[in-house]
Amino acid sequence: MAILFAGTPVYGLGQEAMESTKKYQILFETTEHRIYCKASVWVEYNQYDTEARYNGEISNDECGPSGGTYTIAVRYRDESGQIHTAETGHAWQREDDQTVIIEGKHWIGANVDLMRVRAKKIQCVCADNESPTKEITKTGENE
């Protein structure tokens, strides 16, 4: 009597397990290094017929020359009672350690009530790049 075995072949009989090692290196280099700072802003506002007018100041105690961006949000209610918000982005910059004066106006239309004007999303970056260039190298193994 003959016995026939059929199936998938068995590999690795008599072979040792294979081992692999992977090494990698990552180098990060940037040409521009930024030092972020914390700035504060205040805004006062008034409604003049069809315009919202605002003024205020941006201050930063962490570094002298600096700059960044901020958003002005104007919220008003129209005569049907619907509330609208208009946002505009602005940039600011200073060459010394003095506060930055901001002012502007936004058209809101006739027969509306101005609810508020506020500054938000303020960003600040110091202009002095005193931090040294840093290189980050990572080596790892993967077995």
N, C-alpha and C. Protein backbone atom coordinates (compact mmCIF):
# COMPACT_ATOMS: atom_id res chain seq x y z
N MET A 1 0.83 -1.13 0.00
CA MET A 1 0.00 0.00 0.00
C MET A 1 0.91 1.23 0.00
N ALA A 2 0.58 2.14 -0.84
CA ALA A 2 1.39 3.35 -0.98
C ALA A 2 0.62 4.52 -0.39
N ILE A 3 1.32 5.37 0.33
CA ILE A 3 0.71 6.56 0.92
C ILE A 3 1.31 7.77 0.24
N LEU A 4 0.45 8.60 -0.20
CA LEU A 4 0.88 9.81 -0.91
C LEU A 4 0.47 11.02 -0.08
N PHE A 5 1.42 11.89 0.22
CA PHE A 5 1.16 13.12 0.97
C PHE A 5 1.21 14.30 0.01
N ALA A 6 0.15 15.09 0.01
CA ALA A 6 0.12 16.29 -0.84
C ALA A 6 -0.13 17.49 0.06
N GLY A 7 0.44 18.62 -0.26
CA GLY A 7 0.26 19.84 0.54
C GLY A 7 1.36 20.83 0.23
N THR A 8 1.45 21.83 1.06
CA THR A 8 2.46 22.86 0.85
C THR A 8 3.80 22.34 1.33
N PRO A 9 4.85 22.71 0.62
CA PRO A 9 6.16 22.25 1.04
C PRO A 9 6.58 22.92 2.34
N VAL A 10 7.35 22.25 3.12
CA VAL A 10 7.83 22.76 4.39
C VAL A 10 9.23 23.30 4.18
N TYR A 11 9.37 24.63 4.39
CA TYR A 11 10.67 25.27 4.24
C TYR A 11 11.30 25.44 5.61
N GLY A 12 12.54 25.53 5.64
CA GLY A 12 13.24 25.86 6.87
C GLY A 12 13.60 24.67 7.72
N LEU A 13 13.31 23.50 7.28
CA LEU A 13 13.72 22.36 8.06
C LEU A 13 15.23 22.27 8.00
N GLY A 14 15.81 22.29 9.14
CA GLY A 14 17.25 22.20 9.20
C GLY A 14 17.94 23.55 8.99
N GLN A 15 17.20 24.64 8.83
CA GLN A 15 17.82 25.95 8.65
C GLN A 15 17.66 26.75 9.93
N GLU A 16 18.63 27.58 10.19
CA GLU A 16 18.55 28.44 11.36
C GLU A 16 17.70 29.66 11.03
N ALA A 17 17.09 30.26 12.05
CA ALA A 17 16.26 31.46 11.85
C ALA A 17 17.13 32.62 11.38
N MET A 18 16.56 33.39 10.46
CA MET A 18 17.31 34.53 9.93
C MET A 18 17.11 35.73 10.84
N GLU A 19 18.12 36.55 10.97
CA GLU A 19 18.06 37.72 11.81
C GLU A 19 18.49 38.93 10.98
N SER A 20 17.77 40.05 11.13
CA SER A 20 18.14 41.23 10.36
C SER A 20 18.17 42.44 11.29
N THR A 21 19.02 43.36 10.97
CA THR A 21 19.14 44.59 11.72
C THR A 21 19.11 45.75 10.74
N LYS A 22 18.28 46.75 11.05
CA LYS A 22 18.20 47.95 10.21
C LYS A 22 18.61 49.13 11.04
N LYS A 23 19.48 49.95 10.50
CA LYS A 23 19.89 51.17 11.16
C LYS A 23 19.57 52.33 10.24
N TYR A 24 19.12 53.44 10.84
CA TYR A 24 18.81 54.61 10.05
C TYR A 24 19.24 55.85 10.81
N GLN A 25 19.46 56.89 10.06
CA GLN A 25 19.87 58.16 10.63
C GLN A 25 19.04 59.26 9.98
N ILE A 26 18.48 60.13 10.82
CA ILE A 26 17.67 61.24 10.34
C ILE A 26 18.34 62.52 10.80
N LEU A 27 18.54 63.43 9.86
CA LEU A 27 19.18 64.71 10.16
C LEU A 27 18.23 65.82 9.79
N PHE A 28 17.88 66.65 10.78
CA PHE A 28 16.99 67.78 10.55
C PHE A 28 17.82 69.06 10.52
N GLU A 29 17.73 69.78 9.45
CA GLU A 29 18.40 71.06 9.35
C GLU A 29 17.40 72.08 8.82
N THR A 30 17.37 73.23 9.44
CA THR A 30 16.51 74.30 8.94
C THR A 30 17.35 75.54 8.75
N THR A 31 16.93 76.35 7.83
CA THR A 31 17.66 77.59 7.58
C THR A 31 17.12 78.72 8.43
N GLU A 32 15.92 78.57 8.95
CA GLU A 32 15.30 79.62 9.75
C GLU A 32 14.88 79.06 11.10
N HIS A 33 15.43 79.62 12.16
CA HIS A 33 15.08 79.19 13.50
C HIS A 33 14.22 80.27 14.14
N ARG A 34 13.10 79.87 14.70
CA ARG A 34 12.16 80.82 15.27
C ARG A 34 12.08 80.68 16.77
N ILE A 35 12.02 81.82 17.41
CA ILE A 35 11.81 81.85 18.85
C ILE A 35 10.42 82.45 19.05
N TYR A 36 9.51 81.64 19.54
CA TYR A 36 8.14 82.10 19.73
C TYR A 36 8.01 82.82 21.07
N CYS A 37 7.13 83.79 21.11
CA CYS A 37 6.93 84.58 22.31
C CYS A 37 5.43 84.68 22.60
N LYS A 38 5.14 85.22 23.75
CA LYS A 38 3.73 85.36 24.16
C LYS A 38 3.39 86.84 24.16
N ALA A 39 2.51 87.24 23.27
CA ALA A 39 2.09 88.64 23.17
C ALA A 39 0.66 88.76 23.69
N SER A 40 0.34 89.95 24.17
CA SER A 40 -1.04 90.22 24.60
C SER A 40 -1.58 91.40 23.80
N VAL A 41 -2.90 91.44 23.66
CA VAL A 41 -3.54 92.47 22.86
C VAL A 41 -4.81 92.92 23.56
N TRP A 42 -5.10 94.20 23.48
CA TRP A 42 -6.39 94.71 23.94
C TRP A 42 -6.96 95.60 22.85
N VAL A 43 -8.30 95.63 22.80
CA VAL A 43 -9.00 96.38 21.75
C VAL A 43 -10.20 97.09 22.37
N GLU A 44 -10.41 98.35 21.99
CA GLU A 44 -11.64 99.04 22.31
C GLU A 44 -12.31 99.43 21.01
N TYR A 45 -13.64 99.55 21.02
CA TYR A 45 -14.36 99.75 19.77
C TYR A 45 -15.60 100.61 19.97
N ASN A 46 -16.07 101.17 18.85
CA ASN A 46 -17.30 101.97 18.81
C ASN A 46 -17.97 101.77 17.46
N GLN A 47 -19.27 102.02 17.43
CA GLN A 47 -20.01 101.98 16.17
C GLN A 47 -20.27 103.40 15.71
N TYR A 48 -19.91 103.67 14.47
CA TYR A 48 -20.17 104.95 13.83
C TYR A 48 -21.04 104.69 12.61
N ASP A 49 -22.34 104.73 12.79
CA ASP A 49 -23.32 104.51 11.73
C ASP A 49 -23.10 103.13 11.09
N THR A 50 -22.51 103.06 9.93
CA THR A 50 -22.35 101.79 9.20
C THR A 50 -20.97 101.17 9.39
N GLU A 51 -20.16 101.70 10.31
CA GLU A 51 -18.80 101.20 10.52
C GLU A 51 -18.57 100.83 11.98
N ALA A 52 -17.74 99.81 12.14
CA ALA A 52 -17.20 99.48 13.46
C ALA A 52 -15.76 99.95 13.44
N ARG A 53 -15.39 100.83 14.36
CA ARG A 53 -14.01 101.33 14.44
C ARG A 53 -13.39 100.81 15.73
N TYR A 54 -12.13 100.42 15.63
CA TYR A 54 -11.44 99.86 16.79
C TYR A 54 -10.02 100.40 16.85
N ASN A 55 -9.47 100.38 18.05
CA ASN A 55 -8.05 100.65 18.26
C ASN A 55 -7.59 99.87 19.47
N GLY A 56 -6.29 99.69 19.60
CA GLY A 56 -5.76 98.94 20.72
C GLY A 56 -4.25 98.85 20.65
N GLU A 57 -3.70 97.94 21.44
CA GLU A 57 -2.25 97.78 21.52
C GLU A 57 -1.88 96.31 21.60
N ILE A 58 -0.72 96.01 21.05
CA ILE A 58 -0.10 94.68 21.19
C ILE A 58 1.18 94.88 21.99
N SER A 59 1.35 94.09 23.03
CA SER A 59 2.58 94.17 23.83
C SER A 59 3.19 92.79 23.98
N ASN A 60 4.50 92.79 24.18
CA ASN A 60 5.25 91.55 24.31
C ASN A 60 6.43 91.84 25.24
N ASP A 61 6.47 91.19 26.37
CA ASP A 61 7.53 91.41 27.35
C ASP A 61 8.70 90.43 27.20
N GLU A 62 8.60 89.49 26.30
CA GLU A 62 9.61 88.44 26.20
C GLU A 62 10.80 88.79 25.33
N CYS A 63 10.60 89.65 24.32
CA CYS A 63 11.71 90.02 23.45
C CYS A 63 11.43 91.38 22.83
N GLY A 64 12.45 92.04 22.34
CA GLY A 64 12.31 93.36 21.74
C GLY A 64 11.74 93.29 20.34
N PRO A 65 12.60 93.30 19.32
CA PRO A 65 12.09 93.23 17.94
C PRO A 65 11.33 91.92 17.73
N SER A 66 10.10 92.05 17.25
CA SER A 66 9.26 90.87 17.06
C SER A 66 8.14 91.20 16.09
N GLY A 67 7.39 90.20 15.73
CA GLY A 67 6.27 90.39 14.82
C GLY A 67 5.38 89.17 14.85
N GLY A 68 4.30 89.24 14.09
CA GLY A 68 3.38 88.11 14.07
C GLY A 68 2.09 88.47 13.37
N THR A 69 1.05 87.75 13.72
CA THR A 69 -0.26 87.96 13.11
C THR A 69 -1.34 87.95 14.20
N TYR A 70 -2.49 88.47 13.86
CA TYR A 70 -3.66 88.42 14.73
C TYR A 70 -4.90 88.52 13.86
N THR A 71 -6.04 88.18 14.43
CA THR A 71 -7.32 88.23 13.73
C THR A 71 -8.26 89.17 14.47
N ILE A 72 -8.95 90.03 13.73
CA ILE A 72 -9.98 90.89 14.30
C ILE A 72 -11.34 90.29 13.94
N ALA A 73 -12.16 90.03 14.94
CA ALA A 73 -13.50 89.48 14.74
C ALA A 73 -14.53 90.54 15.12
N VAL A 74 -15.39 90.91 14.16
CA VAL A 74 -16.44 91.91 14.36
C VAL A 74 -17.78 91.17 14.36
N ARG A 75 -18.52 91.30 15.46
CA ARG A 75 -19.82 90.63 15.57
C ARG A 75 -20.91 91.68 15.69
N TYR A 76 -21.96 91.52 14.86
CA TYR A 76 -23.07 92.48 14.85
C TYR A 76 -24.37 91.77 14.55
N ARG A 77 -25.49 92.44 14.91
CA ARG A 77 -26.83 91.90 14.70
C ARG A 77 -27.54 92.79 13.68
N ASP A 78 -28.10 92.17 12.63
CA ASP A 78 -28.82 92.97 11.62
C ASP A 78 -30.26 93.23 12.09
N GLU A 79 -31.03 93.97 11.28
CA GLU A 79 -32.38 94.37 11.71
C GLU A 79 -33.35 93.20 11.78
N SER A 80 -33.03 92.06 11.16
CA SER A 80 -33.89 90.89 11.28
C SER A 80 -33.54 90.05 12.51
N GLY A 81 -32.49 90.45 13.22
CA GLY A 81 -32.09 89.73 14.43
C GLY A 81 -31.00 88.70 14.21
N GLN A 82 -30.58 88.51 12.98
CA GLN A 82 -29.55 87.53 12.67
C GLN A 82 -28.18 88.08 13.07
N ILE A 83 -27.36 87.21 13.66
CA ILE A 83 -26.03 87.61 14.12
C ILE A 83 -25.01 87.24 13.05
N HIS A 84 -24.10 88.17 12.77
CA HIS A 84 -23.04 87.97 11.78
C HIS A 84 -21.69 88.21 12.45
N THR A 85 -20.69 87.47 12.01
CA THR A 85 -19.32 87.67 12.46
C THR A 85 -18.42 87.75 11.24
N ALA A 86 -17.63 88.81 11.17
CA ALA A 86 -16.67 88.98 10.08
C ALA A 86 -15.27 88.98 10.69
N GLU A 87 -14.38 88.16 10.12
CA GLU A 87 -13.01 88.07 10.62
C GLU A 87 -12.03 88.50 9.55
N THR A 88 -11.02 89.26 9.95
CA THR A 88 -9.96 89.68 9.03
C THR A 88 -8.61 89.43 9.69
N GLY A 89 -7.65 88.97 8.92
CA GLY A 89 -6.31 88.71 9.42
C GLY A 89 -5.41 89.92 9.21
N HIS A 90 -4.52 90.13 10.17
CA HIS A 90 -3.61 91.27 10.13
C HIS A 90 -2.22 90.82 10.56
N ALA A 91 -1.20 91.55 10.13
CA ALA A 91 0.18 91.30 10.55
C ALA A 91 0.66 92.48 11.37
N TRP A 92 1.59 92.23 12.28
CA TRP A 92 2.20 93.30 13.06
C TRP A 92 3.69 93.05 13.18
N GLN A 93 4.43 94.13 13.41
CA GLN A 93 5.87 94.02 13.55
C GLN A 93 6.39 95.23 14.33
N ARG A 94 7.42 95.01 15.11
CA ARG A 94 8.06 96.12 15.82
C ARG A 94 9.56 95.94 15.80
N GLU A 95 10.28 97.05 15.83
CA GLU A 95 11.74 97.03 15.76
C GLU A 95 12.40 97.23 17.12
N ASP A 96 11.59 97.54 18.15
CA ASP A 96 12.12 97.78 19.49
C ASP A 96 11.23 97.09 20.51
N ASP A 97 11.26 97.54 21.76
CA ASP A 97 10.45 96.91 22.80
C ASP A 97 9.19 97.71 23.14
N GLN A 98 8.77 98.62 22.28
CA GLN A 98 7.58 99.44 22.52
C GLN A 98 6.32 98.72 22.05
N THR A 99 5.18 99.10 22.62
CA THR A 99 3.92 98.49 22.21
C THR A 99 3.57 98.91 20.79
N VAL A 100 2.78 98.07 20.13
CA VAL A 100 2.35 98.32 18.76
C VAL A 100 0.90 98.82 18.81
N ILE A 101 0.64 99.96 18.19
CA ILE A 101 -0.70 100.52 18.13
C ILE A 101 -1.42 99.90 16.93
N ILE A 102 -2.62 99.39 17.17
CA ILE A 102 -3.44 98.87 16.08
C ILE A 102 -4.73 99.67 16.01
N GLU A 103 -5.21 99.89 14.80
CA GLU A 103 -6.48 100.57 14.63
C GLU A 103 -7.03 100.21 13.26
N GLY A 104 -8.34 100.30 13.15
CA GLY A 104 -8.96 99.99 11.88
C GLY A 104 -10.45 100.20 11.93
N LYS A 105 -11.07 99.95 10.80
CA LYS A 105 -12.53 100.05 10.73
C LYS A 105 -13.04 98.95 9.80
N HIS A 106 -14.27 98.55 10.07
CA HIS A 106 -14.89 97.49 9.29
C HIS A 106 -16.33 97.91 8.97
N TRP A 107 -16.69 97.85 7.72
CA TRP A 107 -18.04 98.19 7.30
C TRP A 107 -19.00 97.09 7.75
N ILE A 108 -20.07 97.48 8.48
CA ILE A 108 -21.04 96.49 8.97
C ILE A 108 -22.42 96.69 8.37
N GLY A 109 -22.66 97.80 7.67
CA GLY A 109 -23.94 98.02 7.01
C GLY A 109 -24.88 98.91 7.81
N ALA A 110 -25.99 99.22 7.18
CA ALA A 110 -26.99 100.10 7.80
C ALA A 110 -27.96 99.29 8.65
N ASN A 111 -28.52 99.94 9.65
CA ASN A 111 -29.53 99.35 10.54
C ASN A 111 -29.04 98.08 11.25
N VAL A 112 -27.84 98.12 11.78
CA VAL A 112 -27.28 96.99 12.54
C VAL A 112 -26.83 97.49 13.90
N ASP A 113 -26.70 96.58 14.83
CA ASP A 113 -26.18 96.88 16.15
C ASP A 113 -24.86 96.15 16.33
N LEU A 114 -23.80 96.89 16.60
CA LEU A 114 -22.49 96.29 16.86
C LEU A 114 -22.52 95.62 18.23
N MET A 115 -22.16 94.36 18.27
CA MET A 115 -22.14 93.62 19.53
C MET A 115 -20.76 93.65 20.18
N ARG A 116 -19.72 93.35 19.36
CA ARG A 116 -18.36 93.39 19.91
C ARG A 116 -17.33 93.33 18.79
N VAL A 117 -16.14 93.77 19.13
CA VAL A 117 -14.95 93.63 18.28
C VAL A 117 -13.88 93.06 19.19
N ARG A 118 -13.26 92.00 18.76
CA ARG A 118 -12.20 91.42 19.59
C ARG A 118 -11.04 90.95 18.73
N ALA A 119 -9.88 90.93 19.34
CA ALA A 119 -8.68 90.40 18.70
C ALA A 119 -8.47 88.99 19.21
N LYS A 120 -8.11 88.10 18.32
CA LYS A 120 -7.87 86.71 18.72
C LYS A 120 -6.80 86.10 17.83
N LYS A 121 -6.39 84.91 18.16
CA LYS A 121 -5.39 84.15 17.41
C LYS A 121 -4.10 84.96 17.22
N ILE A 122 -3.63 85.61 18.28
CA ILE A 122 -2.41 86.38 18.15
C ILE A 122 -1.20 85.46 18.18
N GLN A 123 -0.28 85.70 17.26
CA GLN A 123 0.96 84.93 17.19
C GLN A 123 2.12 85.90 17.29
N CYS A 124 3.20 85.44 17.90
CA CYS A 124 4.36 86.29 18.14
C CYS A 124 5.64 85.49 17.89
N VAL A 125 6.56 86.07 17.13
CA VAL A 125 7.85 85.46 16.85
C VAL A 125 8.92 86.53 17.10
N CYS A 126 9.91 86.20 17.93
CA CYS A 126 11.00 87.14 18.19
C CYS A 126 11.88 87.25 16.95
N ALA A 127 12.34 88.46 16.67
CA ALA A 127 13.19 88.69 15.50
C ALA A 127 14.64 88.31 15.78
N ASP A 128 15.06 88.36 17.03
CA ASP A 128 16.44 87.98 17.37
C ASP A 128 16.56 86.47 17.37
N ASN A 129 17.46 85.97 16.58
CA ASN A 129 17.70 84.53 16.52
C ASN A 129 18.95 84.21 17.31
N GLU A 130 18.80 84.12 18.62
CA GLU A 130 19.94 83.87 19.48
C GLU A 130 20.16 82.40 19.74
N SER A 131 19.25 81.55 19.31
CA SER A 131 19.41 80.12 19.58
C SER A 131 20.37 79.52 18.56
N PRO A 132 21.27 78.65 19.00
CA PRO A 132 22.21 78.03 18.07
C PRO A 132 21.51 77.01 17.19
N THR A 133 22.15 76.68 16.07
CA THR A 133 21.62 75.66 15.17
C THR A 133 21.69 74.32 15.87
N LYS A 134 20.62 73.57 15.80
CA LYS A 134 20.57 72.26 16.46
C LYS A 134 20.41 71.18 15.41
N GLU A 135 21.15 70.10 15.59
CA GLU A 135 21.00 68.95 14.72
C GLU A 135 20.47 67.81 15.56
N ILE A 136 19.49 67.14 15.07
CA ILE A 136 18.88 66.02 15.77
C ILE A 136 19.19 64.76 14.99
N THR A 137 19.86 63.82 15.63
CA THR A 137 20.22 62.58 14.99
C THR A 137 19.60 61.45 15.77
N LYS A 138 18.98 60.51 15.06
CA LYS A 138 18.34 59.38 15.71
C LYS A 138 18.85 58.12 15.04
N THR A 139 19.30 57.19 15.84
CA THR A 139 19.74 55.91 15.34
C THR A 139 18.93 54.86 16.06
N GLY A 140 18.40 53.92 15.34
CA GLY A 140 17.59 52.88 15.96
C GLY A 140 17.83 51.55 15.30
N GLU A 141 17.39 50.52 15.95
CA GLU A 141 17.52 49.19 15.41
C GLU A 141 16.15 48.56 15.28
N ASN A 142 15.98 47.78 14.25
CA ASN A 142 14.72 47.10 14.00
C ASN A 142 15.05 45.64 13.77
N GLU A 143 14.61 44.79 14.63
CA GLU A 143 14.91 43.37 14.48
C GLU A 143 13.70 42.62 14.01
